[in-house]
Amino acid sequence: MMQRFSWALVIAAVLTAVAAAQSQPSPRGFGPSTSSGPSRAQSRDGEAGSRSFTPPRTPWGDPDLQGVWPGTEMVGVPLQRQQNFGNRNVLTEEEFQTRVKQAKQTEEDALADFDVATADTRNAGAVGSATSPPPHWLERGKPSHQASLIVDPPDGRQPALVPEAQKRNADQQAARKGRGPADSYTDRSLYDRCVTRGVLGSILPVIYNNGNEIVQAPGIVVIRNEMIHETRIVPLDGRAHLTPAITSYMGDSRGHWDGNTLVVETTNLNGRNGVGGNGGGTTSDRIKLTERFTMLDVNTLQYEVTIDDPGTWAKPWTIAFPWKRDQHYGMFEYACHEGNYAMKNILTGARADERGGK
């Protein structure tokens, strides 16, 4: 509780500084765009076009990126590209129409009635299954022409794991040998335990909580994610990163301006989060994230991140997709821990199985 209160004080102080510094309104009244997400080629064209777009300025002269930028429209675009697409990251019209039909069918299935007495329980508890909470509350994106979120390497696939990562994964599996899935709370993921999703797990589009907000003050940018209500306060004054001895789930972020693009470099990550949606898996603690935030027009902010982890992948790789401005989007508190009945039920069920000899 005290930690949450402290963060609230920090964010309130930044917001107060913004209010004091601003003598003119920033462009907050723009509605959301309705275009679908671009491919790498399209985003590069967009970035070239963005050079002719002059973003508004804050009273102290920085590009004004402030606003609420949910990534909801890109829900459903896979992280990795299907191998049959090769180096092509733009769907043909026929492929796009297939996505449209799939999205429509998914929506119809979510709204369909089912009989709890005869529901298929083979996938019991899985999100979206007949026995999970009603799937109509899930967030779904708009069909997009973008084939994958990964834009580099050109084939849209994660690079190969290095031997160090393969050994790390094997060691983790060996350490779990003989253990059940819920012998202890430590057998459950950080996701299950509501600890964190990490930097990218808080940003990549998933089934809910895709809101992102940017707030600026002189020398500071605040990046707030709806998922787990994570907040990074990014200094822009050129200060050095923390000593490598200090690591955390969200790392240590430092930023600077490259023309109209905000560049944020994050190091000092503890490696206990992965780089997929919801932050599953692990990396090494040598991972470095380089994010780029570029306004393409008043309603579109291109998000790009390069993942460089020589302890996990053979070479760096890049994700890119657009955020759409939506000032009507509700950035609600994600009270994950307070409402985490799953952990209690999982552990209680495991103990009941043990008593029953299973």
Protein backbone atom coordinates (compact mmCIF):
# COMPACT_ATOMS: atom_id res chain seq x y z
CA MET A 1 0.00 0.00 0.00
CA MET A 2 2.82 2.40 0.91
CA GLN A 3 4.56 1.64 -2.39
CA ARG A 4 1.40 2.41 -4.35
CA PHE A 5 0.97 5.64 -2.35
CA SER A 6 4.57 6.65 -3.07
CA TRP A 7 4.11 6.12 -6.80
CA ALA A 8 0.94 8.16 -6.66
CA LEU A 9 2.87 11.04 -5.07
CA VAL A 10 5.58 10.84 -7.76
CA ILE A 11 3.08 10.87 -10.62
CA ALA A 12 1.10 13.65 -8.97
CA ALA A 13 4.29 15.72 -8.72
CA VAL A 14 5.01 15.23 -12.42
CA LEU A 15 1.45 16.14 -13.36
CA THR A 16 1.69 19.26 -11.21
CA ALA A 17 4.90 20.23 -12.99
CA VAL A 18 3.21 19.76 -16.35
CA ALA A 19 0.26 21.92 -15.34
CA ALA A 20 2.56 24.64 -14.09
CA ALA A 21 4.73 24.58 -17.23
CA GLN A 22 1.97 24.58 -19.80
CA SER A 23 0.71 27.97 -20.86
CA GLN A 24 -1.06 26.59 -23.91
CA PRO A 25 -3.10 23.43 -24.43
CA SER A 26 -1.60 20.36 -26.06
CA PRO A 27 -3.55 18.54 -28.81
CA ARG A 28 -5.78 16.44 -26.57
CA GLY A 29 -9.07 16.77 -28.37
CA PHE A 30 -8.29 14.62 -31.36
CA GLY A 31 -10.39 11.50 -31.88
CA PRO A 32 -9.01 8.07 -32.64
CA SER A 33 -8.00 7.12 -36.16
CA THR A 34 -9.73 4.17 -37.79
CA SER A 35 -6.96 2.94 -40.09
CA SER A 36 -5.45 -0.51 -39.60
CA GLY A 37 -1.85 -1.02 -38.55
CA PRO A 38 1.02 -0.62 -41.01
CA SER A 39 3.60 -3.16 -42.04
CA ARG A 40 7.35 -2.53 -41.69
CA ALA A 41 7.43 -1.15 -45.21
CA GLN A 42 4.37 0.94 -44.54
CA SER A 43 5.77 2.15 -41.22
CA ARG A 44 9.04 3.16 -42.86
CA ASP A 45 7.07 5.09 -45.48
CA GLY A 46 5.09 6.60 -42.63
CA GLU A 47 8.28 7.58 -40.83
CA ALA A 48 9.54 9.21 -44.00
CA GLY A 49 6.21 10.97 -44.33
CA SER A 50 6.36 11.98 -40.67
CA ARG A 51 9.34 14.17 -41.47
CA SER A 52 6.87 16.45 -43.21
CA PHE A 53 4.57 16.24 -40.17
CA THR A 54 5.54 18.72 -37.49
CA PRO A 55 4.33 17.54 -34.09
CA PRO A 56 3.09 20.16 -31.64
CA ARG A 57 5.55 21.48 -29.08
CA THR A 58 5.37 21.67 -25.33
CA PRO A 59 5.84 25.15 -23.79
CA TRP A 60 9.48 24.21 -23.12
CA GLY A 61 10.07 23.20 -26.76
CA ASP A 62 10.01 19.38 -26.84
CA PRO A 63 7.80 17.44 -29.28
CA ASP A 64 4.48 16.97 -27.50
CA LEU A 65 3.64 13.26 -27.44
CA GLN A 66 1.22 13.56 -24.54
CA GLY A 67 -2.01 11.65 -24.64
CA VAL A 68 -3.62 8.27 -24.21
CA TRP A 69 -2.42 5.80 -26.84
CA PRO A 70 -4.03 2.35 -26.51
CA GLY A 71 -2.63 -0.46 -28.65
CA THR A 72 -5.99 -2.24 -28.76
CA GLU A 73 -6.37 -2.13 -32.54
CA MET A 74 -3.38 -4.46 -32.95
CA VAL A 75 -4.76 -7.24 -30.73
CA GLY A 76 -4.77 -10.36 -32.89
CA VAL A 77 -1.65 -9.53 -34.90
CA PRO A 78 0.81 -12.29 -33.94
CA LEU A 79 4.23 -11.52 -32.52
CA GLN A 80 5.95 -13.84 -35.01
CA ARG A 81 5.03 -14.13 -38.67
CA GLN A 82 3.75 -17.33 -40.24
CA GLN A 83 6.66 -18.91 -42.07
CA ASN A 84 4.76 -19.16 -45.34
CA PHE A 85 4.73 -15.34 -45.56
CA GLY A 86 8.53 -15.26 -45.84
CA ASN A 87 9.83 -11.69 -45.84
CA ARG A 88 6.42 -10.23 -46.67
CA ASN A 89 4.76 -8.36 -43.82
CA VAL A 90 1.77 -7.03 -45.76
CA LEU A 91 -1.31 -9.19 -46.25
CA THR A 92 -2.86 -9.46 -49.66
CA GLU A 93 -6.47 -8.36 -49.90
CA GLU A 94 -7.56 -12.00 -49.94
CA GLU A 95 -5.54 -12.74 -46.80
CA PHE A 96 -6.90 -9.63 -45.14
CA GLN A 97 -10.48 -10.65 -45.88
CA THR A 98 -9.74 -14.03 -44.27
CA ARG A 99 -8.71 -12.15 -41.13
CA VAL A 100 -11.92 -10.13 -41.30
CA LYS A 101 -13.99 -13.34 -41.45
CA GLN A 102 -12.02 -14.90 -38.58
CA ALA A 103 -12.55 -11.81 -36.44
CA LYS A 104 -16.28 -11.86 -37.13
CA GLN A 105 -16.52 -15.56 -36.27
CA THR A 106 -14.58 -15.00 -33.03
CA GLU A 107 -16.97 -12.24 -32.03
CA GLU A 108 -20.01 -14.40 -32.79
CA ASP A 109 -18.56 -17.30 -30.78
CA ALA A 110 -17.91 -14.97 -27.84
CA LEU A 111 -21.54 -13.86 -27.78
CA ALA A 112 -23.01 -17.32 -28.32
CA ASP A 113 -24.99 -18.98 -25.54
CA PHE A 114 -23.83 -22.32 -24.16
CA ASP A 115 -25.22 -24.89 -21.75
CA VAL A 116 -22.99 -25.24 -18.68
CA ALA A 117 -24.23 -28.81 -18.25
CA THR A 118 -22.98 -29.91 -21.67
CA ALA A 119 -20.09 -27.45 -22.25
CA ASP A 120 -16.79 -28.86 -23.47
CA THR A 121 -14.55 -28.82 -20.37
CA ARG A 122 -11.45 -30.40 -21.90
CA ASN A 123 -9.84 -26.94 -21.94
CA ALA A 124 -11.41 -25.96 -18.64
CA GLY A 125 -10.40 -22.56 -17.34
CA ALA A 126 -8.65 -21.38 -20.49
CA VAL A 127 -9.51 -17.79 -21.32
CA GLY A 128 -12.25 -17.80 -23.90
CA SER A 129 -13.28 -21.40 -23.32
CA ALA A 130 -16.87 -22.28 -22.50
CA THR A 131 -16.05 -22.71 -18.82
CA SER A 132 -14.01 -19.51 -18.42
CA PRO A 133 -15.57 -16.14 -17.57
CA PRO A 134 -17.77 -14.96 -20.45
CA PRO A 135 -15.36 -14.16 -23.31
CA HIS A 136 -17.32 -11.12 -24.48
CA TRP A 137 -15.34 -8.96 -22.03
CA LEU A 138 -12.07 -9.60 -23.88
CA GLU A 139 -10.61 -6.79 -25.99
CA ARG A 140 -10.27 -7.54 -29.67
CA GLY A 141 -8.39 -5.59 -32.30
CA LYS A 142 -9.32 -4.50 -35.78
CA PRO A 143 -8.26 -6.72 -38.68
CA SER A 144 -4.89 -5.43 -39.83
CA HIS A 145 -2.83 -5.78 -42.99
CA GLN A 146 0.29 -6.17 -40.81
CA ALA A 147 1.30 -9.84 -40.76
CA SER A 148 3.41 -9.77 -37.57
CA LEU A 149 4.58 -7.41 -34.85
CA ILE A 150 8.19 -8.46 -35.47
CA VAL A 151 9.51 -6.43 -38.39
CA ASP A 152 13.20 -7.30 -38.21
CA PRO A 153 14.69 -9.83 -39.04
CA PRO A 154 12.90 -9.51 -42.38
CA ASP A 155 11.21 -12.91 -41.96
CA GLY A 156 9.39 -11.65 -38.86
CA ARG A 157 10.73 -14.45 -36.66
CA GLN A 158 12.71 -14.33 -33.43
CA PRO A 159 16.41 -15.09 -34.00
CA ALA A 160 17.84 -18.40 -32.85
CA LEU A 161 18.58 -18.95 -29.16
CA VAL A 162 22.26 -18.90 -28.23
CA PRO A 163 23.75 -21.86 -26.28
CA GLU A 164 23.65 -19.84 -23.05
CA ALA A 165 19.87 -19.46 -23.35
CA GLN A 166 19.39 -23.10 -24.27
CA LYS A 167 21.33 -24.14 -21.15
CA ARG A 168 19.35 -21.69 -19.01
CA ASN A 169 16.09 -23.15 -20.23
CA ALA A 170 17.32 -26.72 -19.68
CA ASP A 171 18.50 -25.86 -16.16
CA GLN A 172 15.11 -24.35 -15.32
CA GLN A 173 13.33 -27.47 -16.54
CA ALA A 174 15.70 -29.69 -14.57
CA ALA A 175 15.10 -27.65 -11.41
CA ARG A 176 11.38 -28.31 -11.76
CA LYS A 177 11.75 -32.05 -12.26
CA GLY A 178 9.60 -33.93 -9.79
CA ARG A 179 7.57 -30.85 -8.87
CA GLY A 180 3.89 -30.37 -9.61
CA PRO A 181 2.46 -27.28 -11.30
CA ALA A 182 1.33 -25.83 -7.97
CA ASP A 183 3.43 -27.33 -5.18
CA SER A 184 4.09 -23.74 -4.10
CA TYR A 185 3.19 -20.26 -5.23
CA THR A 186 6.74 -20.08 -6.62
CA ASP A 187 5.77 -22.72 -9.18
CA ARG A 188 3.39 -20.23 -10.76
CA SER A 189 4.43 -17.51 -13.19
CA LEU A 190 4.84 -13.82 -12.41
CA TYR A 191 1.69 -13.43 -14.53
CA ASP A 192 -0.32 -15.76 -12.30
CA ARG A 193 1.04 -14.06 -9.19
CA CYS A 194 0.17 -10.54 -10.42
CA VAL A 195 3.74 -9.36 -9.83
CA THR A 196 4.49 -7.70 -13.17
CA ARG A 197 4.42 -8.18 -16.93
CA GLY A 198 7.75 -6.38 -17.42
CA VAL A 199 8.34 -3.57 -19.92
CA LEU A 200 7.22 -5.28 -23.12
CA GLY A 201 4.64 -7.51 -21.48
CA SER A 202 2.94 -4.30 -20.35
CA ILE A 203 2.97 -2.82 -23.88
CA LEU A 204 2.38 -5.61 -26.40
CA PRO A 205 -1.32 -5.90 -27.30
CA VAL A 206 -3.14 -8.69 -25.45
CA ILE A 207 -6.70 -9.56 -24.42
CA TYR A 208 -7.22 -6.58 -22.11
CA ASN A 209 -5.60 -3.50 -20.52
CA ASN A 210 -3.89 -2.16 -23.65
CA GLY A 211 -3.88 1.46 -22.55
CA ASN A 212 -0.70 3.55 -22.67
CA GLU A 213 -0.35 7.15 -21.55
CA ILE A 214 2.49 9.62 -22.05
CA VAL A 215 2.90 12.63 -19.75
CA GLN A 216 5.74 15.15 -20.09
CA ALA A 217 7.42 17.73 -17.89
CA PRO A 218 10.66 19.66 -18.50
CA GLY A 219 13.44 17.05 -18.60
CA ILE A 220 11.11 14.11 -17.89
CA VAL A 221 8.79 11.79 -19.79
CA VAL A 222 6.38 9.50 -17.95
CA ILE A 223 5.24 6.31 -19.71
CA ARG A 224 2.27 4.75 -17.95
CA ASN A 225 0.81 1.35 -18.86
CA GLU A 226 -2.66 0.22 -17.88
CA MET A 227 -1.41 -3.36 -17.51
CA ILE A 228 -0.43 -3.83 -13.84
CA HIS A 229 -0.48 0.00 -13.72
CA GLU A 230 3.27 0.12 -14.38
CA THR A 231 4.85 3.58 -14.68
CA ARG A 232 8.33 4.52 -15.87
CA ILE A 233 9.65 8.00 -15.12
CA VAL A 234 12.29 8.61 -17.81
CA PRO A 235 14.87 11.39 -17.28
CA LEU A 236 16.09 13.22 -20.39
CA ASP A 237 19.03 15.05 -18.81
CA GLY A 238 21.79 12.70 -19.95
CA ARG A 239 22.42 11.11 -16.56
CA ALA A 240 24.14 7.72 -16.51
CA HIS A 241 22.31 4.45 -15.92
CA LEU A 242 22.33 2.93 -12.45
CA THR A 243 25.16 0.61 -11.49
CA PRO A 244 24.72 -2.86 -13.07
CA ALA A 245 24.47 -4.28 -9.55
CA ILE A 246 20.95 -2.83 -9.29
CA THR A 247 18.34 -4.63 -11.41
CA SER A 248 14.55 -4.79 -11.43
CA TYR A 249 11.57 -6.07 -13.40
CA MET A 250 11.11 -2.74 -15.24
CA GLY A 251 14.78 -1.81 -15.45
CA ASP A 252 16.37 1.63 -15.58
CA SER A 253 15.21 3.88 -18.43
CA ARG A 254 17.02 6.90 -19.89
CA GLY A 255 15.73 9.00 -22.78
CA HIS A 256 16.75 11.58 -25.35
CA TRP A 257 15.32 13.24 -28.44
CA ASP A 258 16.43 12.24 -31.93
CA GLY A 259 14.75 15.02 -33.89
CA ASN A 260 11.03 14.52 -33.27
CA THR A 261 11.49 10.94 -32.03
CA LEU A 262 11.71 10.07 -28.36
CA VAL A 263 14.37 7.37 -27.84
CA VAL A 264 14.30 5.44 -24.54
CA GLU A 265 17.05 2.98 -23.60
CA THR A 266 16.29 0.55 -20.78
CA THR A 267 18.95 -1.55 -19.05
CA ASN A 268 19.34 -3.07 -15.57
CA LEU A 269 16.58 -5.63 -16.19
CA ASN A 270 16.67 -8.71 -13.96
CA GLY A 271 15.89 -11.22 -16.74
CA ARG A 272 12.89 -12.73 -14.95
CA ASN A 273 10.44 -11.52 -17.63
CA GLY A 274 10.19 -12.62 -21.22
CA VAL A 275 9.59 -10.51 -24.29
CA GLY A 276 6.21 -11.80 -25.45
CA GLY A 277 2.70 -10.72 -24.60
CA ASN A 278 2.13 -10.77 -20.83
CA GLY A 279 5.87 -11.10 -20.22
CA GLY A 280 6.15 -14.88 -20.08
CA GLY A 281 9.51 -16.63 -20.15
CA THR A 282 12.92 -15.24 -19.22
CA THR A 283 15.92 -13.47 -20.72
CA SER A 284 19.45 -12.80 -19.52
CA ASP A 285 20.19 -9.79 -17.35
CA ARG A 286 22.26 -8.33 -20.20
CA ILE A 287 19.18 -7.45 -22.19
CA LYS A 288 18.85 -3.87 -23.47
CA LEU A 289 15.65 -2.38 -24.90
CA THR A 290 15.79 0.62 -27.24
CA GLU A 291 12.34 2.13 -27.81
CA ARG A 292 11.43 4.82 -30.34
CA PHE A 293 8.23 6.87 -30.14
CA THR A 294 7.41 8.88 -33.29
CA MET A 295 4.22 10.80 -34.09
CA LEU A 296 3.19 10.11 -37.68
CA ASP A 297 0.15 12.40 -37.48
CA VAL A 298 -1.97 13.93 -34.73
CA ASN A 299 -3.71 10.60 -34.06
CA THR A 300 -0.94 8.05 -34.72
CA LEU A 301 2.20 7.33 -32.72
CA GLN A 302 4.55 4.70 -34.11
CA TYR A 303 6.03 2.48 -31.39
CA GLU A 304 9.22 0.57 -32.14
CA VAL A 305 11.50 -1.42 -29.86
CA THR A 306 14.76 -3.23 -30.56
CA ILE A 307 15.61 -6.11 -28.23
CA ASP A 308 19.34 -6.72 -27.84
CA ASP A 309 20.20 -9.64 -25.56
CA PRO A 310 23.41 -11.50 -26.45
CA GLY A 311 22.66 -13.90 -23.62
CA THR A 312 19.43 -15.07 -25.28
CA TRP A 313 19.26 -14.40 -29.03
CA ALA A 314 21.88 -14.62 -31.77
CA LYS A 315 21.22 -11.05 -32.90
CA PRO A 316 19.01 -8.06 -32.05
CA TRP A 317 15.43 -8.01 -33.31
CA THR A 318 12.73 -5.36 -33.64
CA ILE A 319 9.00 -5.00 -33.03
CA ALA A 320 6.97 -2.12 -34.49
CA PHE A 321 3.28 -1.20 -34.55
CA PRO A 322 1.12 1.93 -34.28
CA TRP A 323 -0.66 3.36 -31.27
CA LYS A 324 -3.87 5.30 -31.89
CA ARG A 325 -4.84 8.34 -29.87
CA ASP A 326 -8.04 7.88 -27.85
CA GLN A 327 -8.62 10.47 -25.15
CA HIS A 328 -11.90 8.74 -24.23
CA TYR A 329 -10.10 5.50 -23.32
CA GLY A 330 -10.41 4.73 -19.61
CA MET A 331 -7.06 4.10 -17.91
CA PHE A 332 -8.49 2.16 -14.99
CA GLU A 333 -6.56 0.67 -12.09
CA TYR A 334 -5.73 -2.96 -12.67
CA ALA A 335 -6.28 -4.40 -9.19
CA CYS A 336 -4.77 -7.73 -10.21
CA HIS A 337 -3.44 -8.78 -6.82
CA GLU A 338 -6.54 -7.66 -4.93
CA GLY A 339 -8.75 -9.72 -7.22
CA ASN A 340 -6.40 -12.66 -7.68
CA TYR A 341 -8.72 -15.52 -6.75
CA ALA A 342 -6.89 -17.69 -9.28
CA MET A 343 -3.80 -18.15 -7.09
CA LYS A 344 -5.86 -19.18 -4.07
CA ASN A 345 -8.01 -21.51 -6.16
CA ILE A 346 -5.02 -23.06 -7.98
CA LEU A 347 -3.16 -23.79 -4.74
CA THR A 348 -6.32 -24.92 -2.94
CA GLY A 349 -7.18 -27.25 -5.81
CA ALA A 350 -3.66 -28.70 -5.82
CA ARG A 351 -3.87 -29.45 -2.08
CA ALA A 352 -7.28 -31.08 -2.59
CA ASP A 353 -5.78 -33.26 -5.34
CA GLU A 354 -3.00 -34.30 -2.97
CA ARG A 355 -5.48 -35.29 -0.29
CA GLY A 356 -7.37 -37.28 -2.89
CA GLY A 357 -4.22 -39.14 -3.90
CA LYS A 358 -3.94 -37.60 -7.37
